[in-house]
Full PDB file with SEQRES, HELIX, SHEET, SSBOND, CRYST1, ORIGX, SCALE, CONECT and MASTER records, all heavy atoms in Angstrom:
SEQRES   1 A   39  GLY PRO ARG LEU THR THR ILE ARG LEU PRO ALA LEU LYS          
SEQRES   2 A   39  GLY VAL ALA LEU THR GLY ASP PHE GLU GLY VAL VAL THR          
SEQRES   3 A   39  ILE GLY ALA ALA PHE ASP THR LYS PRO ALA TYR THR SER          
SHEET    1 AA1 3 LEU A   4  THR A   6  0                                        
SHEET    2 AA1 3 LEU A  12  PHE A  21 -1                                        
SHEET    3 AA1 3 VAL A  24  PHE A  31 -1                                        
CRYST1    1.000    1.000    1.000  90.00  90.00  90.00 P 1           1          
ORIGX1      1.000000  0.000000  0.000000        0.00000                         
ORIGX2      0.000000  1.000000  0.000000        0.00000                         
ORIGX3      0.000000  0.000000  1.000000        0.00000                         
SCALE1      1.000000  0.000000  0.000000        0.00000                         
SCALE2      0.000000  1.000000  0.000000        0.00000                         
SCALE3      0.000000  0.000000  1.000000        0.00000                         
ATOM      1  N   GLY A   1      87.756-152.601 -93.461  1.00  0.00           N  
ATOM      2  CA  GLY A   1      87.941-151.413 -92.576  1.00  0.00           C  
ATOM      3  C   GLY A   1      89.409-151.297 -92.282  1.00  0.00           C  
ATOM      4  O   GLY A   1      90.326-151.924 -92.794  1.00  0.00           O  
ATOM      5  N   PRO A   2      89.700-150.267 -91.432  1.00  0.00           N  
ATOM      6  CA  PRO A   2      91.095-149.944 -91.014  1.00  0.00           C  
ATOM      7  C   PRO A   2      91.651-151.069 -90.089  1.00  0.00           C  
ATOM      8  O   PRO A   2      91.002-151.641 -89.281  1.00  0.00           O  
ATOM      9  CB  PRO A   2      90.967-148.621 -90.241  1.00  0.00           C  
ATOM     10  CG  PRO A   2      89.616-148.750 -89.663  1.00  0.00           C  
ATOM     11  CD  PRO A   2      88.770-149.372 -90.685  1.00  0.00           C  
ATOM     12  N   ARG A   3      92.929-151.405 -90.358  1.00  0.00           N  
ATOM     13  CA  ARG A   3      93.678-152.351 -89.459  1.00  0.00           C  
ATOM     14  C   ARG A   3      94.197-151.573 -88.259  1.00  0.00           C  
ATOM     15  O   ARG A   3      94.224-152.072 -87.223  1.00  0.00           O  
ATOM     16  CB  ARG A   3      94.844-152.948 -90.273  1.00  0.00           C  
ATOM     17  CG  ARG A   3      94.401-153.705 -91.483  1.00  0.00           C  
ATOM     18  CD  ARG A   3      93.989-155.043 -91.182  1.00  0.00           C  
ATOM     19  NE  ARG A   3      93.527-155.722 -92.349  1.00  0.00           N  
ATOM     20  CZ  ARG A   3      92.922-156.873 -92.282  1.00  0.00           C  
ATOM     21  NH1 ARG A   3      92.773-157.506 -91.201  1.00  0.00           N  
ATOM     22  NH2 ARG A   3      92.451-157.454 -93.392  1.00  0.00           N  
ATOM     23  N   LEU A   4      94.618-150.303 -88.468  1.00  0.00           N  
ATOM     24  CA  LEU A   4      95.199-149.508 -87.433  1.00  0.00           C  
ATOM     25  C   LEU A   4      95.153-148.128 -87.931  1.00  0.00           C  
ATOM     26  O   LEU A   4      95.729-147.793 -88.913  1.00  0.00           O  
ATOM     27  CB  LEU A   4      96.616-149.935 -87.105  1.00  0.00           C  
ATOM     28  CG  LEU A   4      97.345-149.045 -86.077  1.00  0.00           C  
ATOM     29  CD1 LEU A   4      96.834-149.392 -84.699  1.00  0.00           C  
ATOM     30  CD2 LEU A   4      98.851-149.512 -86.141  1.00  0.00           C  
ATOM     31  N   THR A   5      94.374-147.206 -87.178  1.00  0.00           N  
ATOM     32  CA  THR A   5      94.320-145.820 -87.653  1.00  0.00           C  
ATOM     33  C   THR A   5      94.074-144.859 -86.468  1.00  0.00           C  
ATOM     34  O   THR A   5      93.465-145.169 -85.511  1.00  0.00           O  
ATOM     35  CB  THR A   5      93.222-145.641 -88.665  1.00  0.00           C  
ATOM     36  OG1 THR A   5      93.242-144.347 -89.257  1.00  0.00           O  
ATOM     37  CG2 THR A   5      91.795-145.801 -88.011  1.00  0.00           C  
ATOM     38  N   THR A   6      94.823-143.714 -86.538  1.00  0.00           N  
ATOM     39  CA  THR A   6      94.629-142.687 -85.597  1.00  0.00           C  
ATOM     40  C   THR A   6      93.366-141.810 -86.027  1.00  0.00           C  
ATOM     41  O   THR A   6      93.245-141.523 -87.207  1.00  0.00           O  
ATOM     42  CB  THR A   6      95.909-141.857 -85.528  1.00  0.00           C  
ATOM     43  OG1 THR A   6      96.912-142.671 -85.094  1.00  0.00           O  
ATOM     44  CG2 THR A   6      95.858-140.755 -84.517  1.00  0.00           C  
ATOM     45  N   ILE A   7      92.666-141.387 -85.037  1.00  0.00           N  
ATOM     46  CA  ILE A   7      91.482-140.508 -85.327  1.00  0.00           C  
ATOM     47  C   ILE A   7      91.577-139.370 -84.455  1.00  0.00           C  
ATOM     48  O   ILE A   7      91.990-139.433 -83.215  1.00  0.00           O  
ATOM     49  CB  ILE A   7      90.221-141.407 -84.939  1.00  0.00           C  
ATOM     50  CG1 ILE A   7      90.218-142.664 -85.826  1.00  0.00           C  
ATOM     51  CG2 ILE A   7      88.900-140.548 -85.219  1.00  0.00           C  
ATOM     52  CD1 ILE A   7      89.089-143.644 -85.442  1.00  0.00           C  
ATOM     53  N   ARG A   8      91.103-138.227 -84.880  1.00  0.00           N  
ATOM     54  CA  ARG A   8      91.169-136.946 -84.188  1.00  0.00           C  
ATOM     55  C   ARG A   8      89.752-136.451 -83.897  1.00  0.00           C  
ATOM     56  O   ARG A   8      89.445-135.341 -84.308  1.00  0.00           O  
ATOM     57  CB  ARG A   8      92.094-135.964 -84.873  1.00  0.00           C  
ATOM     58  CG  ARG A   8      93.515-136.383 -84.792  1.00  0.00           C  
ATOM     59  CD  ARG A   8      94.414-135.403 -85.558  1.00  0.00           C  
ATOM     60  NE  ARG A   8      95.829-135.806 -85.382  1.00  0.00           N  
ATOM     61  CZ  ARG A   8      96.475-136.733 -86.121  1.00  0.00           C  
ATOM     62  NH1 ARG A   8      95.761-137.441 -87.025  1.00  0.00           N  
ATOM     63  NH2 ARG A   8      97.759-137.001 -85.914  1.00  0.00           N  
ATOM     64  N   LEU A   9      88.973-137.165 -83.154  1.00  0.00           N  
ATOM     65  CA  LEU A   9      87.676-136.728 -82.715  1.00  0.00           C  
ATOM     66  C   LEU A   9      87.719-136.286 -81.253  1.00  0.00           C  
ATOM     67  O   LEU A   9      88.740-136.638 -80.605  1.00  0.00           O  
ATOM     68  CB  LEU A   9      86.631-137.843 -82.954  1.00  0.00           C  
ATOM     69  CG  LEU A   9      86.356-138.094 -84.460  1.00  0.00           C  
ATOM     70  CD1 LEU A   9      85.403-139.359 -84.494  1.00  0.00           C  
ATOM     71  CD2 LEU A   9      85.673-137.036 -85.201  1.00  0.00           C  
ATOM     72  N   PRO A  10      86.779-135.603 -80.722  1.00  0.00           N  
ATOM     73  CA  PRO A  10      86.818-135.238 -79.357  1.00  0.00           C  
ATOM     74  C   PRO A  10      87.033-136.321 -78.390  1.00  0.00           C  
ATOM     75  O   PRO A  10      87.799-136.260 -77.437  1.00  0.00           O  
ATOM     76  CB  PRO A  10      85.514-134.510 -79.106  1.00  0.00           C  
ATOM     77  CG  PRO A  10      85.126-133.923 -80.419  1.00  0.00           C  
ATOM     78  CD  PRO A  10      85.605-135.056 -81.442  1.00  0.00           C  
ATOM     79  N   ALA A  11      86.422-137.487 -78.562  1.00  0.00           N  
ATOM     80  CA  ALA A  11      86.534-138.636 -77.668  1.00  0.00           C  
ATOM     81  C   ALA A  11      87.421-139.722 -78.311  1.00  0.00           C  
ATOM     82  O   ALA A  11      88.436-140.160 -77.721  1.00  0.00           O  
ATOM     83  CB  ALA A  11      85.255-139.204 -77.287  1.00  0.00           C  
ATOM     84  N   LEU A  12      87.132-140.215 -79.469  1.00  0.00           N  
ATOM     85  CA  LEU A  12      87.786-141.273 -80.132  1.00  0.00           C  
ATOM     86  C   LEU A  12      89.132-140.914 -80.741  1.00  0.00           C  
ATOM     87  O   LEU A  12      89.133-139.954 -81.523  1.00  0.00           O  
ATOM     88  CB  LEU A  12      86.858-141.919 -81.218  1.00  0.00           C  
ATOM     89  CG  LEU A  12      87.322-143.159 -81.899  1.00  0.00           C  
ATOM     90  CD1 LEU A  12      87.448-144.347 -80.921  1.00  0.00           C  
ATOM     91  CD2 LEU A  12      86.288-143.546 -83.004  1.00  0.00           C  
ATOM     92  N   LYS A  13      90.209-141.632 -80.339  1.00  0.00           N  
ATOM     93  CA  LYS A  13      91.563-141.295 -80.809  1.00  0.00           C  
ATOM     94  C   LYS A  13      92.168-142.282 -81.760  1.00  0.00           C  
ATOM     95  O   LYS A  13      93.097-142.024 -82.385  1.00  0.00           O  
ATOM     96  CB  LYS A  13      92.465-141.027 -79.659  1.00  0.00           C  
ATOM     97  CG  LYS A  13      91.964-139.900 -78.716  1.00  0.00           C  
ATOM     98  CD  LYS A  13      91.842-138.645 -79.521  1.00  0.00           C  
ATOM     99  CE  LYS A  13      91.269-137.513 -78.611  1.00  0.00           C  
ATOM    100  NZ  LYS A  13      91.034-136.210 -79.430  1.00  0.00           N  
ATOM    101  N   GLY A  14      91.576-143.513 -81.744  1.00  0.00           N  
ATOM    102  CA  GLY A  14      92.215-144.485 -82.660  1.00  0.00           C  
ATOM    103  C   GLY A  14      91.296-145.793 -82.654  1.00  0.00           C  
ATOM    104  O   GLY A  14      90.585-146.059 -81.668  1.00  0.00           O  
ATOM    105  N   VAL A  15      91.504-146.538 -83.709  1.00  0.00           N  
ATOM    106  CA  VAL A  15      90.737-147.817 -83.852  1.00  0.00           C  
ATOM    107  C   VAL A  15      91.708-148.845 -84.462  1.00  0.00           C  
ATOM    108  O   VAL A  15      92.530-148.465 -85.384  1.00  0.00           O  
ATOM    109  CB  VAL A  15      89.536-147.652 -84.728  1.00  0.00           C  
ATOM    110  CG1 VAL A  15      88.917-149.042 -85.067  1.00  0.00           C  
ATOM    111  CG2 VAL A  15      88.479-146.698 -84.078  1.00  0.00           C  
ATOM    112  N   ALA A  16      91.610-150.064 -84.036  1.00  0.00           N  
ATOM    113  CA  ALA A  16      92.407-151.125 -84.665  1.00  0.00           C  
ATOM    114  C   ALA A  16      91.691-152.471 -84.605  1.00  0.00           C  
ATOM    115  O   ALA A  16      90.961-152.750 -83.727  1.00  0.00           O  
ATOM    116  CB  ALA A  16      93.728-151.343 -83.947  1.00  0.00           C  
ATOM    117  N   LEU A  17      91.846-153.197 -85.735  1.00  0.00           N  
ATOM    118  CA  LEU A  17      91.388-154.676 -85.761  1.00  0.00           C  
ATOM    119  C   LEU A  17      92.483-155.355 -84.942  1.00  0.00           C  
ATOM    120  O   LEU A  17      93.572-155.446 -85.466  1.00  0.00           O  
ATOM    121  CB  LEU A  17      91.246-155.148 -87.149  1.00  0.00           C  
ATOM    122  CG  LEU A  17      90.826-156.591 -87.349  1.00  0.00           C  
ATOM    123  CD1 LEU A  17      89.419-156.801 -86.811  1.00  0.00           C  
ATOM    124  CD2 LEU A  17      90.921-157.053 -88.742  1.00  0.00           C  
ATOM    125  N   THR A  18      92.150-155.897 -83.868  1.00  0.00           N  
ATOM    126  CA  THR A  18      93.169-156.490 -83.004  1.00  0.00           C  
ATOM    127  C   THR A  18      93.112-158.084 -83.035  1.00  0.00           C  
ATOM    128  O   THR A  18      94.114-158.709 -82.572  1.00  0.00           O  
ATOM    129  CB  THR A  18      93.042-156.074 -81.568  1.00  0.00           C  
ATOM    130  OG1 THR A  18      91.783-156.391 -81.067  1.00  0.00           O  
ATOM    131  CG2 THR A  18      93.277-154.604 -81.422  1.00  0.00           C  
ATOM    132  N   GLY A  19      92.101-158.594 -83.651  1.00  0.00           N  
ATOM    133  CA  GLY A  19      92.028-160.057 -83.769  1.00  0.00           C  
ATOM    134  C   GLY A  19      90.968-160.595 -84.653  1.00  0.00           C  
ATOM    135  O   GLY A  19      89.854-159.986 -84.742  1.00  0.00           O  
ATOM    136  N   ASP A  20      91.323-161.689 -85.297  1.00  0.00           N  
ATOM    137  CA  ASP A  20      90.388-162.517 -86.056  1.00  0.00           C  
ATOM    138  C   ASP A  20      90.943-163.927 -85.773  1.00  0.00           C  
ATOM    139  O   ASP A  20      91.615-164.474 -86.555  1.00  0.00           O  
ATOM    140  CB  ASP A  20      90.386-162.166 -87.527  1.00  0.00           C  
ATOM    141  CG  ASP A  20      89.450-163.101 -88.390  1.00  0.00           C  
ATOM    142  OD1 ASP A  20      88.683-163.778 -87.800  1.00  0.00           O  
ATOM    143  OD2 ASP A  20      89.720-163.002 -89.609  1.00  0.00           O  
ATOM    144  N   PHE A  21      90.584-164.470 -84.620  1.00  0.00           N  
ATOM    145  CA  PHE A  21      91.317-165.651 -84.124  1.00  0.00           C  
ATOM    146  C   PHE A  21      90.352-166.516 -83.433  1.00  0.00           C  
ATOM    147  O   PHE A  21      89.591-166.138 -82.468  1.00  0.00           O  
ATOM    148  CB  PHE A  21      92.408-165.111 -83.147  1.00  0.00           C  
ATOM    149  CG  PHE A  21      93.368-166.163 -82.762  1.00  0.00           C  
ATOM    150  CD1 PHE A  21      94.334-166.801 -83.560  1.00  0.00           C  
ATOM    151  CD2 PHE A  21      93.397-166.559 -81.348  1.00  0.00           C  
ATOM    152  CE1 PHE A  21      95.125-167.735 -83.099  1.00  0.00           C  
ATOM    153  CE2 PHE A  21      94.241-167.509 -80.930  1.00  0.00           C  
ATOM    154  CZ  PHE A  21      95.162-168.163 -81.743  1.00  0.00           C  
ATOM    155  N   GLU A  22      90.293-167.841 -83.869  1.00  0.00           N  
ATOM    156  CA  GLU A  22      89.496-168.871 -83.185  1.00  0.00           C  
ATOM    157  C   GLU A  22      88.009-168.430 -82.950  1.00  0.00           C  
ATOM    158  O   GLU A  22      87.480-168.588 -81.942  1.00  0.00           O  
ATOM    159  CB  GLU A  22      90.114-169.335 -81.903  1.00  0.00           C  
ATOM    160  CG  GLU A  22      91.474-169.960 -82.116  1.00  0.00           C  
ATOM    161  CD  GLU A  22      92.155-170.536 -80.879  1.00  0.00           C  
ATOM    162  OE1 GLU A  22      91.657-170.208 -79.708  1.00  0.00           O  
ATOM    163  OE2 GLU A  22      93.074-171.222 -80.996  1.00  0.00           O  
ATOM    164  N   GLY A  23      87.411-167.873 -83.975  1.00  0.00           N  
ATOM    165  CA  GLY A  23      85.953-167.592 -83.871  1.00  0.00           C  
ATOM    166  C   GLY A  23      85.662-166.282 -83.175  1.00  0.00           C  
ATOM    167  O   GLY A  23      84.422-166.012 -82.930  1.00  0.00           O  
ATOM    168  N   VAL A  24      86.615-165.472 -82.878  1.00  0.00           N  
ATOM    169  CA  VAL A  24      86.491-164.197 -82.167  1.00  0.00           C  
ATOM    170  C   VAL A  24      87.088-163.106 -83.028  1.00  0.00           C  
ATOM    171  O   VAL A  24      88.247-163.182 -83.300  1.00  0.00           O  
ATOM    172  CB  VAL A  24      86.997-164.189 -80.727  1.00  0.00           C  
ATOM    173  CG1 VAL A  24      86.738-162.952 -80.023  1.00  0.00           C  
ATOM    174  CG2 VAL A  24      86.430-165.370 -79.945  1.00  0.00           C  
ATOM    175  N   VAL A  25      86.341-162.090 -83.237  1.00  0.00           N  
ATOM    176  CA  VAL A  25      86.903-160.826 -83.823  1.00  0.00           C  
ATOM    177  C   VAL A  25      86.933-159.804 -82.816  1.00  0.00           C  
ATOM    178  O   VAL A  25      85.902-159.490 -82.143  1.00  0.00           O  
ATOM    179  CB  VAL A  25      86.019-160.368 -85.086  1.00  0.00           C  
ATOM    180  CG1 VAL A  25      86.612-158.990 -85.606  1.00  0.00           C  
ATOM    181  CG2 VAL A  25      86.057-161.473 -86.183  1.00  0.00           C  
ATOM    182  N   THR A  26      88.089-159.157 -82.652  1.00  0.00           N  
ATOM    183  CA  THR A  26      88.238-158.072 -81.606  1.00  0.00           C  
ATOM    184  C   THR A  26      88.663-156.797 -82.309  1.00  0.00           C  
ATOM    185  O   THR A  26      89.537-156.837 -83.214  1.00  0.00           O  
ATOM    186  CB  THR A  26      89.283-158.485 -80.541  1.00  0.00           C  
ATOM    187  OG1 THR A  26      90.455-158.890 -81.056  1.00  0.00           O  
ATOM    188  CG2 THR A  26      88.708-159.573 -79.627  1.00  0.00           C  
ATOM    189  N   ILE A  27      88.193-155.669 -81.758  1.00  0.00           N  
ATOM    190  CA  ILE A  27      88.488-154.396 -82.227  1.00  0.00           C  
ATOM    191  C   ILE A  27      88.810-153.589 -81.021  1.00  0.00           C  
ATOM    192  O   ILE A  27      88.127-153.609 -80.011  1.00  0.00           O  
ATOM    193  CB  ILE A  27      87.255-153.794 -82.878  1.00  0.00           C  
ATOM    194  CG1 ILE A  27      86.949-154.648 -84.180  1.00  0.00           C  
ATOM    195  CG2 ILE A  27      87.455-152.323 -83.299  1.00  0.00           C  
ATOM    196  CD1 ILE A  27      85.456-154.560 -84.678  1.00  0.00           C  
ATOM    197  N   GLY A  28      89.931-152.776 -81.163  1.00  0.00           N  
ATOM    198  CA  GLY A  28      90.274-151.888 -80.100  1.00  0.00           C  
ATOM    199  C   GLY A  28      90.000-150.425 -80.420  1.00  0.00           C  
ATOM    200  O   GLY A  28      90.069-150.026 -81.562  1.00  0.00           O  
ATOM    201  N   ALA A  29      89.611-149.711 -79.322  1.00  0.00           N  
ATOM    202  CA  ALA A  29      89.303-148.290 -79.495  1.00  0.00           C  
ATOM    203  C   ALA A  29      90.152-147.525 -78.403  1.00  0.00           C  
ATOM    204  O   ALA A  29      90.184-148.001 -77.288  1.00  0.00           O  
ATOM    205  CB  ALA A  29      87.815-147.957 -79.461  1.00  0.00           C  
ATOM    206  N   ALA A  30      90.678-146.421 -78.838  1.00  0.00           N  
ATOM    207  CA  ALA A  30      91.568-145.650 -77.909  1.00  0.00           C  
ATOM    208  C   ALA A  30      90.992-144.258 -77.586  1.00  0.00           C  
ATOM    209  O   ALA A  30      90.314-143.666 -78.486  1.00  0.00           O  
ATOM    210  CB  ALA A  30      92.859-145.468 -78.508  1.00  0.00           C  
ATOM    211  N   PHE A  31      91.220-143.823 -76.408  1.00  0.00           N  
ATOM    212  CA  PHE A  31      90.706-142.509 -75.816  1.00  0.00           C  
ATOM    213  C   PHE A  31      91.744-141.879 -74.991  1.00  0.00           C  
ATOM    214  O   PHE A  31      92.537-142.564 -74.308  1.00  0.00           O  
ATOM    215  CB  PHE A  31      89.377-142.788 -75.084  1.00  0.00           C  
ATOM    216  CG  PHE A  31      88.376-143.597 -75.791  1.00  0.00           C  
ATOM    217  CD1 PHE A  31      88.417-145.006 -75.701  1.00  0.00           C  
ATOM    218  CD2 PHE A  31      87.473-143.063 -76.627  1.00  0.00           C  
ATOM    219  CE1 PHE A  31      87.470-145.779 -76.383  1.00  0.00           C  
ATOM    220  CE2 PHE A  31      86.510-143.780 -77.294  1.00  0.00           C  
ATOM    221  CZ  PHE A  31      86.571-145.183 -77.218  1.00  0.00           C  
ATOM    222  N   ASP A  32      91.705-140.493 -74.955  1.00  0.00           N  
ATOM    223  CA  ASP A  32      92.594-139.741 -74.040  1.00  0.00           C  
ATOM    224  C   ASP A  32      91.921-139.658 -72.580  1.00  0.00           C  
ATOM    225  O   ASP A  32      92.734-139.598 -71.633  1.00  0.00           O  
ATOM    226  CB  ASP A  32      92.839-138.367 -74.515  1.00  0.00           C  
ATOM    227  CG  ASP A  32      93.869-138.393 -75.675  1.00  0.00           C  
ATOM    228  OD1 ASP A  32      94.515-139.330 -75.823  1.00  0.00           O  
ATOM    229  OD2 ASP A  32      93.837-137.314 -76.362  1.00  0.00           O  
ATOM    230  N   THR A  33      90.595-139.738 -72.535  1.00  0.00           N  
ATOM    231  CA  THR A  33      89.957-139.678 -71.205  1.00  0.00           C  
ATOM    232  C   THR A  33      89.072-140.867 -71.081  1.00  0.00           C  
ATOM    233  O   THR A  33      88.732-141.549 -72.085  1.00  0.00           O  
ATOM    234  CB  THR A  33      89.056-138.365 -71.109  1.00  0.00           C  
ATOM    235  OG1 THR A  33      88.131-138.466 -72.185  1.00  0.00           O  
ATOM    236  CG2 THR A  33      89.851-137.154 -71.193  1.00  0.00           C  
ATOM    237  N   LYS A  34      88.746-141.271 -69.862  1.00  0.00           N  
ATOM    238  CA  LYS A  34      87.945-142.471 -69.578  1.00  0.00           C  
ATOM    239  C   LYS A  34      86.616-142.358 -70.369  1.00  0.00           C  
ATOM    240  O   LYS A  34      85.876-141.431 -70.123  1.00  0.00           O  
ATOM    241  CB  LYS A  34      87.726-142.613 -68.066  1.00  0.00           C  
ATOM    242  CG  LYS A  34      87.059-143.944 -67.710  1.00  0.00           C  
ATOM    243  CD  LYS A  34      86.925-144.008 -66.173  1.00  0.00           C  
ATOM    244  CE  LYS A  34      86.281-145.406 -65.899  1.00  0.00           C  
ATOM    245  NZ  LYS A  34      86.173-145.569 -64.434  1.00  0.00           N  
ATOM    246  N   PRO A  35      86.312-143.357 -71.186  1.00  0.00           N  
ATOM    247  CA  PRO A  35      85.094-143.242 -72.042  1.00  0.00           C  
ATOM    248  C   PRO A  35      83.868-143.543 -71.294  1.00  0.00           C  
ATOM    249  O   PRO A  35      83.805-144.521 -70.625  1.00  0.00           O  
ATOM    250  CB  PRO A  35      85.429-144.265 -73.125  1.00  0.00           C  
ATOM    251  CG  PRO A  35      86.331-145.209 -72.527  1.00  0.00           C  
ATOM    252  CD  PRO A  35      87.185-144.508 -71.523  1.00  0.00           C  
ATOM    253  N   ALA A  36      82.875-142.618 -71.498  1.00  0.00           N  
ATOM    254  CA  ALA A  36      81.534-142.944 -71.016  1.00  0.00           C  
ATOM    255  C   ALA A  36      80.730-143.344 -72.247  1.00  0.00           C  
ATOM    256  O   ALA A  36      80.627-142.549 -73.243  1.00  0.00           O  
ATOM    257  CB  ALA A  36      80.914-141.734 -70.362  1.00  0.00           C  
ATOM    258  N   TYR A  37      80.243-144.521 -72.304  1.00  0.00           N  
ATOM    259  CA  TYR A  37      79.677-145.035 -73.594  1.00  0.00           C  
ATOM    260  C   TYR A  37      78.370-145.833 -73.402  1.00  0.00           C  
ATOM    261  O   TYR A  37      78.074-146.269 -72.251  1.00  0.00           O  
ATOM    262  CB  TYR A  37      80.710-145.979 -74.302  1.00  0.00           C  
ATOM    263  CG  TYR A  37      81.128-147.162 -73.541  1.00  0.00           C  
ATOM    264  CD1 TYR A  37      80.366-148.388 -73.612  1.00  0.00           C  
ATOM    265  CD2 TYR A  37      82.188-147.200 -72.631  1.00  0.00           C  
ATOM    266  CE1 TYR A  37      80.736-149.505 -72.955  1.00  0.00           C  
ATOM    267  CE2 TYR A  37      82.485-148.268 -71.860  1.00  0.00           C  
ATOM    268  CZ  TYR A  37      81.745-149.464 -72.048  1.00  0.00           C  
ATOM    269  OH  TYR A  37      82.110-150.590 -71.284  1.00  0.00           O  
ATOM    270  N   THR A  38      77.641-145.884 -74.417  1.00  0.00           N  
ATOM    271  CA  THR A  38      76.452-146.747 -74.523  1.00  0.00           C  
ATOM    272  C   THR A  38      76.598-147.546 -75.859  1.00  0.00           C  
ATOM    273  O   THR A  38      77.315-147.096 -76.761  1.00  0.00           O  
ATOM    274  CB  THR A  38      75.141-145.950 -74.573  1.00  0.00           C  
ATOM    275  OG1 THR A  38      75.229-145.064 -75.744  1.00  0.00           O  
ATOM    276  CG2 THR A  38      74.927-145.125 -73.378  1.00  0.00           C  
ATOM    277  N   SER A  39      75.971-148.717 -75.850  1.00  0.00           N  
ATOM    278  CA  SER A  39      75.992-149.499 -77.125  1.00  0.00           C  
ATOM    279  C   SER A  39      74.671-150.112 -77.373  1.00  0.00           C  
ATOM    280  O   SER A  39      73.809-150.249 -76.550  1.00  0.00           O  
ATOM    281  CB  SER A  39      77.046-150.636 -76.943  1.00  0.00           C  
ATOM    282  OG  SER A  39      76.651-151.542 -75.856  1.00  0.00           O  
TER     283      SER A  39                                                      
MASTER        0    0    0    0    3    0    0    6  282    1    0    3          
END                                                                             
């Protein structure tokens, strides 16, 4: 997947793989407004 990318959707503005370190994979997501989310 993307390591760092800007996205132009109504809510989602960007995504990055921020870590693969000591058994933890982290992904960051960016927004212009406070995100209301479900998972």
